[in-house]
Amino acid sequence: MNIQKSIHYRKSNITGSNWVLVSIKFDQTLAKGVAVIKIITADNVDSKLNFDLNQYIGEVISGVRIANEKYGGDLEVQEIEVIPSDSPSKGQVLTIAYDIANMY
């Protein structure tokens, strides 16, 4: 049996009626692109997303890229975790992803 250790860096943000938890695992990006894991709770098993997943992924990648450019980093996004009921505003995920990459 092979047990793997996995570390995700997370930060939440609430602004008015918008909220999101951004969770990123840094490692080599997979050949098929960023892996996405949906986190659901026992009392809310509906996995329908309240947001555009492609925009969300794009904002995560852009936030990390901007931090890499600014600080000379080479971080790659391997995996993100999303909560289907989150309601991020445009640019909110990018800002949080930047913050996470900056603190990494």
PDB file of N, CA and C in Angstrom:
ATOM      1  N   MET A   1       0.848  -1.181   0.000  1.00  0.00           N
ATOM      2  CA  MET A   1       0.000   0.000   0.000  1.00  0.00           C
ATOM      3  C   MET A   1       0.888   1.236   0.000  1.00  0.00           C
ATOM      4  N   ASN A   2       0.586   2.169  -0.881  1.00  0.00           N
ATOM      5  CA  ASN A   2       1.379   3.380  -1.030  1.00  0.00           C
ATOM      6  C   ASN A   2       0.583   4.563  -0.483  1.00  0.00           C
ATOM      7  N   ILE A   3       1.095   5.209   0.549  1.00  0.00           N
ATOM      8  CA  ILE A   3       0.436   6.375   1.126  1.00  0.00           C
ATOM      9  C   ILE A   3       1.201   7.614   0.699  1.00  0.00           C
ATOM     10  N   GLN A   4       0.478   8.609   0.181  1.00  0.00           N
ATOM     11  CA  GLN A   4       1.109   9.843  -0.262  1.00  0.00           C
ATOM     12  C   GLN A   4       0.697  11.005   0.621  1.00  0.00           C
ATOM     13  N   LYS A   5       1.633  11.899   0.842  1.00  0.00           N
ATOM     14  CA  LYS A   5       1.356  13.123   1.594  1.00  0.00           C
ATOM     15  C   LYS A   5       1.001  14.218   0.582  1.00  0.00           C
ATOM     16  N   SER A   6      -0.057  14.938   0.847  1.00  0.00           N
ATOM     17  CA  SER A   6      -0.502  15.989  -0.048  1.00  0.00           C
ATOM     18  C   SER A   6      -0.718  17.267   0.755  1.00  0.00           C
ATOM     19  N   ILE A   7      -0.138  18.344   0.281  1.00  0.00           N
ATOM     20  CA  ILE A   7      -0.281  19.621   0.976  1.00  0.00           C
ATOM     21  C   ILE A   7      -0.938  20.639   0.048  1.00  0.00           C
ATOM     22  N   HIS A   8      -2.053  21.186   0.509  1.00  0.00           N
ATOM     23  CA  HIS A   8      -2.742  22.264  -0.195  1.00  0.00           C
ATOM     24  C   HIS A   8      -2.606  23.537   0.637  1.00  0.00           C
ATOM     25  N   TYR A   9      -2.341  24.629  -0.024  1.00  0.00           N
ATOM     26  CA  TYR A   9      -2.268  25.921   0.645  1.00  0.00           C
ATOM     27  C   TYR A   9      -3.604  26.613   0.410  1.00  0.00           C
ATOM     28  N   ARG A  10      -4.239  27.063   1.516  1.00  0.00           N
ATOM     29  CA  ARG A  10      -5.599  27.581   1.440  1.00  0.00           C
ATOM     30  C   ARG A  10      -5.711  28.981   2.043  1.00  0.00           C
ATOM     31  N   LYS A  11      -6.609  29.746   1.446  1.00  0.00           N
ATOM     32  CA  LYS A  11      -6.956  31.051   1.998  1.00  0.00           C
ATOM     33  C   LYS A  11      -8.398  31.351   1.623  1.00  0.00           C
ATOM     34  N   SER A  12      -9.161  31.817   2.597  1.00  0.00           N
ATOM     35  CA  SER A  12     -10.556  32.183   2.322  1.00  0.00           C
ATOM     36  C   SER A  12     -10.674  33.696   2.243  1.00  0.00           C
ATOM     37  N   ASN A  13     -11.757  34.135   1.609  1.00  0.00           N
ATOM     38  CA  ASN A  13     -12.003  35.558   1.470  1.00  0.00           C
ATOM     39  C   ASN A  13     -13.493  35.795   1.334  1.00  0.00           C
ATOM     40  N   ILE A  14     -14.002  36.746   2.099  1.00  0.00           N
ATOM     41  CA  ILE A  14     -15.407  37.134   2.027  1.00  0.00           C
ATOM     42  C   ILE A  14     -15.462  38.631   1.779  1.00  0.00           C
ATOM     43  N   THR A  15     -16.160  39.019   0.721  1.00  0.00           N
ATOM     44  CA  THR A  15     -16.362  40.437   0.425  1.00  0.00           C
ATOM     45  C   THR A  15     -17.831  40.634   0.079  1.00  0.00           C
ATOM     46  N   GLY A  16     -18.567  41.184   1.014  1.00  0.00           N
ATOM     47  CA  GLY A  16     -19.995  41.407   0.782  1.00  0.00           C
ATOM     48  C   GLY A  16     -20.726  40.109   0.530  1.00  0.00           C
ATOM     49  N   SER A  17     -21.336  39.998  -0.645  1.00  0.00           N
ATOM     50  CA  SER A  17     -22.111  38.798  -0.966  1.00  0.00           C
ATOM     51  C   SER A  17     -21.282  37.738  -1.703  1.00  0.00           C
ATOM     52  N   ASN A  18     -19.986  37.945  -1.809  1.00  0.00           N
ATOM     53  CA  ASN A  18     -19.110  36.985  -2.484  1.00  0.00           C
ATOM     54  C   ASN A  18     -18.164  36.336  -1.484  1.00  0.00           C
ATOM     55  N   TRP A  19     -17.996  35.022  -1.633  1.00  0.00           N
ATOM     56  CA  TRP A  19     -17.100  34.286  -0.739  1.00  0.00           C
ATOM     57  C   TRP A  19     -16.440  33.154  -1.511  1.00  0.00           C
ATOM     58  N   VAL A  20     -15.221  32.805  -1.082  1.00  0.00           N
ATOM     59  CA  VAL A  20     -14.495  31.726  -1.750  1.00  0.00           C
ATOM     60  C   VAL A  20     -13.372  31.220  -0.844  1.00  0.00           C
ATOM     61  N   LEU A  21     -13.090  29.943  -0.955  1.00  0.00           N
ATOM     62  CA  LEU A  21     -11.912  29.327  -0.340  1.00  0.00           C
ATOM     63  C   LEU A  21     -11.054  28.848  -1.500  1.00  0.00           C
ATOM     64  N   VAL A  22      -9.869  29.409  -1.636  1.00  0.00           N
ATOM     65  CA  VAL A  22      -8.947  28.990  -2.694  1.00  0.00           C
ATOM     66  C   VAL A  22      -7.955  28.017  -2.073  1.00  0.00           C
ATOM     67  N   SER A  23      -7.790  26.865  -2.705  1.00  0.00           N
ATOM     68  CA  SER A  23      -6.925  25.803  -2.206  1.00  0.00           C
ATOM     69  C   SER A  23      -6.049  25.312  -3.356  1.00  0.00           C
ATOM     70  N   ILE A  24      -4.727  25.446  -3.200  1.00  0.00           N
ATOM     71  CA  ILE A  24      -3.789  25.144  -4.281  1.00  0.00           C
ATOM     72  C   ILE A  24      -2.732  24.157  -3.815  1.00  0.00           C
ATOM     73  N   LYS A  25      -2.454  23.171  -4.661  1.00  0.00           N
ATOM     74  CA  LYS A  25      -1.320  22.276  -4.455  1.00  0.00           C
ATOM     75  C   LYS A  25      -0.287  22.625  -5.517  1.00  0.00           C
ATOM     76  N   PHE A  26       0.912  22.991  -5.070  1.00  0.00           N
ATOM     77  CA  PHE A  26       1.984  23.342  -5.994  1.00  0.00           C
ATOM     78  C   PHE A  26       2.836  22.111  -6.287  1.00  0.00           C
ATOM     79  N   ASP A  27       3.070  21.868  -7.548  1.00  0.00           N
ATOM     80  CA  ASP A  27       3.947  20.806  -8.036  1.00  0.00           C
ATOM     81  C   ASP A  27       3.904  20.930  -9.554  1.00  0.00           C
ATOM     82  N   GLN A  28       4.516  20.011 -10.254  1.00  0.00           N
ATOM     83  CA  GLN A  28       4.510  20.072 -11.709  1.00  0.00           C
ATOM     84  C   GLN A  28       3.084  19.938 -12.228  1.00  0.00           C
ATOM     85  N   THR A  29       2.706  20.839 -13.136  1.00  0.00           N
ATOM     86  CA  THR A  29       1.378  20.782 -13.740  1.00  0.00           C
ATOM     87  C   THR A  29       1.256  19.492 -14.545  1.00  0.00           C
ATOM     88  N   LEU A  30       0.139  18.820 -14.410  1.00  0.00           N
ATOM     89  CA  LEU A  30      -0.088  17.560 -15.103  1.00  0.00           C
ATOM     90  C   LEU A  30      -0.216  17.780 -16.603  1.00  0.00           C
ATOM     91  N   ALA A  31       0.094  16.770 -17.393  1.00  0.00           N
ATOM     92  CA  ALA A  31       0.014  16.868 -18.850  1.00  0.00           C
ATOM     93  C   ALA A  31      -1.393  17.252 -19.310  1.00  0.00           C
ATOM     94  N   LYS A  32      -2.424  16.791 -18.584  1.00  0.00           N
ATOM     95  CA  LYS A  32      -3.808  17.095 -18.944  1.00  0.00           C
ATOM     96  C   LYS A  32      -4.283  18.416 -18.360  1.00  0.00           C
ATOM     97  N   GLY A  33      -3.420  19.120 -17.646  1.00  0.00           N
ATOM     98  CA  GLY A  33      -3.792  20.395 -17.041  1.00  0.00           C
ATOM     99  C   GLY A  33      -3.985  20.265 -15.541  1.00  0.00           C
ATOM    100  N   VAL A  34      -4.485  21.324 -14.955  1.00  0.00           N
ATOM    101  CA  VAL A  34      -4.684  21.390 -13.504  1.00  0.00           C
ATOM    102  C   VAL A  34      -5.790  20.415 -13.093  1.00  0.00           C
ATOM    103  N   ALA A  35      -5.499  19.586 -12.088  1.00  0.00           N
ATOM    104  CA  ALA A  35      -6.512  18.679 -11.546  1.00  0.00           C
ATOM    105  C   ALA A  35      -7.442  19.472 -10.632  1.00  0.00           C
ATOM    106  N   VAL A  36      -8.728  19.140 -10.660  1.00  0.00           N
ATOM    107  CA  VAL A  36      -9.719  19.830  -9.847  1.00  0.00           C
ATOM    108  C   VAL A  36     -10.446  18.810  -8.979  1.00  0.00           C
ATOM    109  N   ILE A  37     -10.491  19.087  -7.688  1.00  0.00           N
ATOM    110  CA  ILE A  37     -11.202  18.239  -6.743  1.00  0.00           C
ATOM    111  C   ILE A  37     -12.335  19.058  -6.142  1.00  0.00           C
ATOM    112  N   LYS A  38     -13.557  18.530  -6.186  1.00  0.00           N
ATOM    113  CA  LYS A  38     -14.708  19.191  -5.573  1.00  0.00           C
ATOM    114  C   LYS A  38     -14.828  18.711  -4.130  1.00  0.00           C
ATOM    115  N   ILE A  39     -14.944  19.650  -3.210  1.00  0.00           N
ATOM    116  CA  ILE A  39     -15.143  19.326  -1.801  1.00  0.00           C
ATOM    117  C   ILE A  39     -16.619  19.527  -1.473  1.00  0.00           C
ATOM    118  N   ILE A  40     -17.244  18.473  -1.001  1.00  0.00           N
ATOM    119  CA  ILE A  40     -18.653  18.560  -0.619  1.00  0.00           C
ATOM    120  C   ILE A  40     -18.802  18.129   0.837  1.00  0.00           C
ATOM    121  N   THR A  41     -19.888  18.521   1.440  1.00  0.00           N
ATOM    122  CA  THR A  41     -20.156  18.141   2.822  1.00  0.00           C
ATOM    123  C   THR A  41     -21.308  17.152   2.868  1.00  0.00           C
ATOM    124  N   ALA A  42     -21.433  16.445   3.969  1.00  0.00           N
ATOM    125  CA  ALA A  42     -22.482  15.440   4.107  1.00  0.00           C
ATOM    126  C   ALA A  42     -23.878  16.044   3.980  1.00  0.00           C
ATOM    127  N   ASP A  43     -24.045  17.291   4.414  1.00  0.00           N
ATOM    128  CA  ASP A  43     -25.359  17.917   4.346  1.00  0.00           C
ATOM    129  C   ASP A  43     -25.596  18.676   3.037  1.00  0.00           C
ATOM    130  N   ASN A  44     -24.590  18.710   2.169  1.00  0.00           N
ATOM    131  CA  ASN A  44     -24.743  19.382   0.879  1.00  0.00           C
ATOM    132  C   ASN A  44     -23.950  18.606  -0.174  1.00  0.00           C
ATOM    133  N   VAL A  45     -24.556  17.565  -0.694  1.00  0.00           N
ATOM    134  CA  VAL A  45     -23.867  16.712  -1.653  1.00  0.00           C
ATOM    135  C   VAL A  45     -24.065  17.155  -3.106  1.00  0.00           C
ATOM    136  N   ASP A  46     -24.731  18.295  -3.320  1.00  0.00           N
ATOM    137  CA  ASP A  46     -24.905  18.826  -4.666  1.00  0.00           C
ATOM    138  C   ASP A  46     -23.555  19.340  -5.156  1.00  0.00           C
ATOM    139  N   SER A  47     -23.058  18.763  -6.234  1.00  0.00           N
ATOM    140  CA  SER A  47     -21.737  19.159  -6.714  1.00  0.00           C
ATOM    141  C   SER A  47     -21.797  20.141  -7.882  1.00  0.00           C
ATOM    142  N   LYS A  48     -22.986  20.700  -8.160  1.00  0.00           N
ATOM    143  CA  LYS A  48     -23.118  21.702  -9.222  1.00  0.00           C
ATOM    144  C   LYS A  48     -22.433  22.993  -8.772  1.00  0.00           C
ATOM    145  N   LEU A  49     -21.544  23.482  -9.614  1.00  0.00           N
ATOM    146  CA  LEU A  49     -20.776  24.677  -9.271  1.00  0.00           C
ATOM    147  C   LEU A  49     -21.596  25.950  -9.439  1.00  0.00           C
ATOM    148  N   ASN A  50     -21.418  26.894  -8.520  1.00  0.00           N
ATOM    149  CA  ASN A  50     -22.069  28.206  -8.589  1.00  0.00           C
ATOM    150  C   ASN A  50     -21.230  29.221  -9.356  1.00  0.00           C
ATOM    151  N   PHE A  51     -20.183  28.779 -10.021  1.00  0.00           N
ATOM    152  CA  PHE A  51     -19.262  29.681 -10.702  1.00  0.00           C
ATOM    153  C   PHE A  51     -18.720  28.999 -11.956  1.00  0.00           C
ATOM    154  N   ASP A  52     -18.059  29.786 -12.803  1.00  0.00           N
ATOM    155  CA  ASP A  52     -17.458  29.286 -14.043  1.00  0.00           C
ATOM    156  C   ASP A  52     -16.104  28.656 -13.707  1.00  0.00           C
ATOM    157  N   LEU A  53     -16.005  27.345 -13.841  1.00  0.00           N
ATOM    158  CA  LEU A  53     -14.780  26.636 -13.463  1.00  0.00           C
ATOM    159  C   LEU A  53     -13.586  27.063 -14.316  1.00  0.00           C
ATOM    160  N   ASN A  54     -13.783  27.274 -15.604  1.00  0.00           N
ATOM    161  CA  ASN A  54     -12.671  27.686 -16.470  1.00  0.00           C
ATOM    162  C   ASN A  54     -12.112  29.037 -16.053  1.00  0.00           C
ATOM    163  N   GLN A  55     -13.014  29.968 -15.703  1.00  0.00           N
ATOM    164  CA  GLN A  55     -12.556  31.280 -15.229  1.00  0.00           C
ATOM    165  C   GLN A  55     -11.797  31.116 -13.910  1.00  0.00           C
ATOM    166  N   TYR A  56     -12.316  30.278 -13.014  1.00  0.00           N
ATOM    167  CA  TYR A  56     -11.697  30.034 -11.712  1.00  0.00           C
ATOM    168  C   TYR A  56     -10.271  29.502 -11.902  1.00  0.00           C
ATOM    169  N   ILE A  57     -10.122  28.474 -12.734  1.00  0.00           N
ATOM    170  CA  ILE A  57      -8.796  27.896 -12.993  1.00  0.00           C
ATOM    171  C   ILE A  57      -7.875  28.946 -13.606  1.00  0.00           C
ATOM    172  N   GLY A  58      -8.403  29.702 -14.567  1.00  0.00           N
ATOM    173  CA  GLY A  58      -7.604  30.751 -15.203  1.00  0.00           C
ATOM    174  C   GLY A  58      -7.119  31.788 -14.206  1.00  0.00           C
ATOM    175  N   GLU A  59      -7.972  32.162 -13.263  1.00  0.00           N
ATOM    176  CA  GLU A  59      -7.579  33.147 -12.250  1.00  0.00           C
ATOM    177  C   GLU A  59      -6.521  32.578 -11.306  1.00  0.00           C
ATOM    178  N   VAL A  60      -6.636  31.306 -10.946  1.00  0.00           N
ATOM    179  CA  VAL A  60      -5.611  30.691 -10.093  1.00  0.00           C
ATOM    180  C   VAL A  60      -4.267  30.712 -10.814  1.00  0.00           C
ATOM    181  N   ILE A  61      -4.258  30.256 -12.056  1.00  0.00           N
ATOM    182  CA  ILE A  61      -3.016  30.207 -12.831  1.00  0.00           C
ATOM    183  C   ILE A  61      -2.443  31.612 -13.021  1.00  0.00           C
ATOM    184  N   SER A  62      -3.289  32.585 -13.319  1.00  0.00           N
ATOM    185  CA  SER A  62      -2.821  33.967 -13.516  1.00  0.00           C
ATOM    186  C   SER A  62      -2.254  34.558 -12.237  1.00  0.00           C
ATOM    187  N   GLY A  63      -2.922  34.330 -11.119  1.00  0.00           N
ATOM    188  CA  GLY A  63      -2.417  34.850  -9.847  1.00  0.00           C
ATOM    189  C   GLY A  63      -1.053  34.287  -9.504  1.00  0.00           C
ATOM    190  N   VAL A  64      -0.866  33.002  -9.727  1.00  0.00           N
ATOM    191  CA  VAL A  64       0.430  32.365  -9.459  1.00  0.00           C
ATOM    192  C   VAL A  64       1.488  32.866 -10.444  1.00  0.00           C
ATOM    193  N   ARG A  65       1.107  33.018 -11.719  1.00  0.00           N
ATOM    194  CA  ARG A  65       2.045  33.525 -12.727  1.00  0.00           C
ATOM    195  C   ARG A  65       2.522  34.934 -12.382  1.00  0.00           C
ATOM    196  N   ILE A  66       1.601  35.791 -11.962  1.00  0.00           N
ATOM    197  CA  ILE A  66       1.966  37.164 -11.605  1.00  0.00           C
ATOM    198  C   ILE A  66       2.938  37.164 -10.428  1.00  0.00           C
ATOM    199  N   ALA A  67       2.682  36.346  -9.428  1.00  0.00           N
ATOM    200  CA  ALA A  67       3.594  36.244  -8.277  1.00  0.00           C
ATOM    201  C   ALA A  67       4.957  35.714  -8.725  1.00  0.00           C
ATOM    202  N   ASN A  68       4.965  34.718  -9.603  1.00  0.00           N
ATOM    203  CA  ASN A  68       6.236  34.189 -10.123  1.00  0.00           C
ATOM    204  C   ASN A  68       7.038  35.276 -10.823  1.00  0.00           C
ATOM    205  N   GLU A  69       6.365  36.066 -11.664  1.00  0.00           N
ATOM    206  CA  GLU A  69       7.035  37.139 -12.403  1.00  0.00           C
ATOM    207  C   GLU A  69       7.573  38.205 -11.454  1.00  0.00           C
ATOM    208  N   LYS A  70       6.796  38.560 -10.459  1.00  0.00           N
ATOM    209  CA  LYS A  70       7.192  39.628  -9.543  1.00  0.00           C
ATOM    210  C   LYS A  70       8.341  39.203  -8.624  1.00  0.00           C
ATOM    211  N   TYR A  71       8.320  37.944  -8.184  1.00  0.00           N
ATOM    212  CA  TYR A  71       9.300  37.501  -7.188  1.00  0.00           C
ATOM    213  C   TYR A  71      10.304  36.482  -7.717  1.00  0.00           C
ATOM    214  N   GLY A  72      10.310  36.253  -9.030  1.00  0.00           N
ATOM    215  CA  GLY A  72      11.279  35.335  -9.615  1.00  0.00           C
ATOM    216  C   GLY A  72      11.032  33.877  -9.243  1.00  0.00           C
ATOM    217  N   GLY A  73       9.780  33.533  -9.008  1.00  0.00           N
ATOM    218  CA  GLY A  73       9.440  32.163  -8.632  1.00  0.00           C
ATOM    219  C   GLY A  73       9.236  31.264  -9.833  1.00  0.00           C
ATOM    220  N   ASP A  74       9.047  29.987  -9.553  1.00  0.00           N
ATOM    221  CA  ASP A  74       8.789  29.021 -10.615  1.00  0.00           C
ATOM    222  C   ASP A  74       7.692  28.036 -10.205  1.00  0.00           C
ATOM    223  N   LEU A  75       6.742  28.524  -9.416  1.00  0.00           N
ATOM    224  CA  LEU A  75       5.657  27.664  -8.937  1.00  0.00           C
ATOM    225  C   LEU A  75       4.753  27.230 -10.088  1.00  0.00           C
ATOM    226  N   GLU A  76       4.302  25.986 -10.031  1.00  0.00           N
ATOM    227  CA  GLU A  76       3.323  25.465 -10.975  1.00  0.00           C
ATOM    228  C   GLU A  76       2.132  24.954 -10.178  1.00  0.00           C
ATOM    229  N   VAL A  77       0.955  25.108 -10.731  1.00  0.00           N
ATOM    230  CA  VAL A  77      -0.267  24.638 -10.084  1.00  0.00           C
ATOM    231  C   VAL A  77      -0.552  23.224 -10.578  1.00  0.00           C
ATOM    232  N   GLN A  78      -0.536  22.266  -9.651  1.00  0.00           N
ATOM    233  CA  GLN A  78      -0.850  20.893 -10.019  1.00  0.00           C
ATOM    234  C   GLN A  78      -2.323  20.577  -9.784  1.00  0.00           C
ATOM    235  N   GLU A  79      -2.852  21.116  -8.685  1.00  0.00           N
ATOM    236  CA  GLU A  79      -4.202  20.725  -8.282  1.00  0.00           C
ATOM    237  C   GLU A  79      -4.861  21.857  -7.514  1.00  0.00           C
ATOM    238  N   ILE A  80      -6.163  21.987  -7.694  1.00  0.00           N
ATOM    239  CA  ILE A  80      -6.937  22.919  -6.875  1.00  0.00           C
ATOM    240  C   ILE A  80      -8.134  22.176  -6.305  1.00  0.00           C
ATOM    241  N   GLU A  81      -8.576  22.625  -5.158  1.00  0.00           N
ATOM    242  CA  GLU A  81      -9.799  22.113  -4.559  1.00  0.00           C
ATOM    243  C   GLU A  81     -10.830  23.234  -4.638  1.00  0.00           C
ATOM    244  N   VAL A  82     -12.052  22.886  -4.995  1.00  0.00           N
ATOM    245  CA  VAL A  82     -13.121  23.885  -5.083  1.00  0.00           C
ATOM    246  C   VAL A  82     -14.309  23.444  -4.248  1.00  0.00           C
ATOM    247  N   ILE A  83     -15.021  24.422  -3.731  1.00  0.00           N
ATOM    248  CA  ILE A  83     -16.255  24.178  -2.994  1.00  0.00           C
ATOM    249  C   ILE A  83     -17.396  24.649  -3.891  1.00  0.00           C
ATOM    250  N   PRO A  84     -18.248  23.717  -4.336  1.00  0.00           N
ATOM    251  CA  PRO A  84     -19.287  24.059  -5.318  1.00  0.00           C
ATOM    252  C   PRO A  84     -20.171  25.240  -4.922  1.00  0.00           C
ATOM    253  N   SER A  85     -20.430  25.428  -3.642  1.00  0.00           N
ATOM    254  CA  SER A  85     -21.332  26.497  -3.208  1.00  0.00           C
ATOM    255  C   SER A  85     -20.649  27.854  -3.078  1.00  0.00           C
ATOM    256  N   ASP A  86     -19.337  27.926  -3.316  1.00  0.00           N
ATOM    257  CA  ASP A  86     -18.650  29.220  -3.264  1.00  0.00           C
ATOM    258  C   ASP A  86     -19.233  30.162  -4.309  1.00  0.00           C
ATOM    259  N   SER A  87     -19.054  31.459  -4.067  1.00  0.00           N
ATOM    260  CA  SER A  87     -19.591  32.473  -4.967  1.00  0.00           C
ATOM    261  C   SER A  87     -18.556  33.591  -5.143  1.00  0.00           C
ATOM    262  N   PRO A  88     -17.470  33.308  -5.874  1.00  0.00           N
ATOM    263  CA  PRO A  88     -16.423  34.321  -6.026  1.00  0.00           C
ATOM    264  C   PRO A  88     -16.799  35.416  -7.025  1.00  0.00           C
ATOM    265  N   SER A  89     -16.324  36.613  -6.756  1.00  0.00           N
ATOM    266  CA  SER A  89     -16.498  37.701  -7.716  1.00  0.00           C
ATOM    267  C   SER A  89     -15.336  37.654  -8.706  1.00  0.00           C
ATOM    268  N   LYS A  90     -15.491  38.343  -9.819  1.00  0.00           N
ATOM    269  CA  LYS A  90     -14.440  38.374 -10.838  1.00  0.00           C
ATOM    270  C   LYS A  90     -13.166  38.993 -10.244  1.00  0.00           C
ATOM    271  N   GLY A  91     -12.062  38.289 -10.370  1.00  0.00           N
ATOM    272  CA  GLY A  91     -10.782  38.777  -9.864  1.00  0.00           C
ATOM    273  C   GLY A  91     -10.478  38.368  -8.434  1.00  0.00           C
ATOM    274  N   GLN A  92     -11.485  37.915  -7.700  1.00  0.00           N
ATOM    275  CA  GLN A  92     -11.282  37.538  -6.297  1.00  0.00           C
ATOM    276  C   GLN A  92     -10.349  36.331  -6.178  1.00  0.00           C
ATOM    277  N   VAL A  93     -10.536  35.325  -7.017  1.00  0.00           N
ATOM    278  CA  VAL A  93      -9.695  34.123  -6.981  1.00  0.00           C
ATOM    279  C   VAL A  93      -8.267  34.473  -7.388  1.00  0.00           C
ATOM    280  N   LEU A  94      -8.116  35.320  -8.393  1.00  0.00           N
ATOM    281  CA  LEU A  94      -6.777  35.745  -8.842  1.00  0.00           C
ATOM    282  C   LEU A  94      -6.007  36.386  -7.690  1.00  0.00           C
ATOM    283  N   THR A  95      -6.639  37.292  -6.993  1.00  0.00           N
ATOM    284  CA  THR A  95      -5.988  37.987  -5.878  1.00  0.00           C
ATOM    285  C   THR A  95      -5.570  37.020  -4.781  1.00  0.00           C
ATOM    286  N   ILE A  96      -6.429  36.083  -4.456  1.00  0.00           N
ATOM    287  CA  ILE A  96      -6.116  35.130  -3.393  1.00  0.00           C
ATOM    288  C   ILE A  96      -5.009  34.179  -3.839  1.00  0.00           C
ATOM    289  N   ALA A  97      -5.063  33.716  -5.101  1.00  0.00           N
ATOM    290  CA  ALA A  97      -4.010  32.836  -5.615  1.00  0.00           C
ATOM    291  C   ALA A  97      -2.660  33.551  -5.582  1.00  0.00           C
ATOM    292  N   TYR A  98      -2.660  34.816  -5.934  1.00  0.00           N
ATOM    293  CA  TYR A  98      -1.431  35.624  -5.860  1.00  0.00           C
ATOM    294  C   TYR A  98      -0.913  35.664  -4.419  1.00  0.00           C
ATOM    295  N   ASP A  99      -1.807  35.934  -3.481  1.00  0.00           N
ATOM    296  CA  ASP A  99      -1.413  35.988  -2.066  1.00  0.00           C
ATOM    297  C   ASP A  99      -0.815  34.665  -1.607  1.00  0.00           C
ATOM    298  N   ILE A 100      -1.450  33.559  -1.981  1.00  0.00           N
ATOM    299  CA  ILE A 100      -0.952  32.243  -1.589  1.00  0.00           C
ATOM    300  C   ILE A 100       0.432  32.001  -2.162  1.00  0.00           C
ATOM    301  N   ALA A 101       0.598  32.263  -3.470  1.00  0.00           N
ATOM    302  CA  ALA A 101       1.903  32.051  -4.110  1.00  0.00           C
ATOM    303  C   ALA A 101       2.971  32.964  -3.514  1.00  0.00           C
ATOM    304  N   ASN A 102       2.588  34.180  -3.165  1.00  0.00           N
ATOM    305  CA  ASN A 102       3.520  35.141  -2.572  1.00  0.00           C
ATOM    306  C   ASN A 102       3.998  34.666  -1.186  1.00  0.00           C
ATOM    307  N   MET A 103       3.139  33.992  -0.444  1.00  0.00           N
ATOM    308  CA  MET A 103       3.491  33.537   0.906  1.00  0.00           C
ATOM    309  C   MET A 103       4.127  32.149   0.913  1.00  0.00           C
ATOM    310  N   TYR A 104       4.130  31.456  -0.220  1.00  0.00           N
ATOM    311  CA  TYR A 104       4.616  30.089  -0.298  1.00  0.00           C
ATOM    312  C   TYR A 104       6.082  29.988   0.017  1.00  0.00           C
TER     313      TYR A 104
END
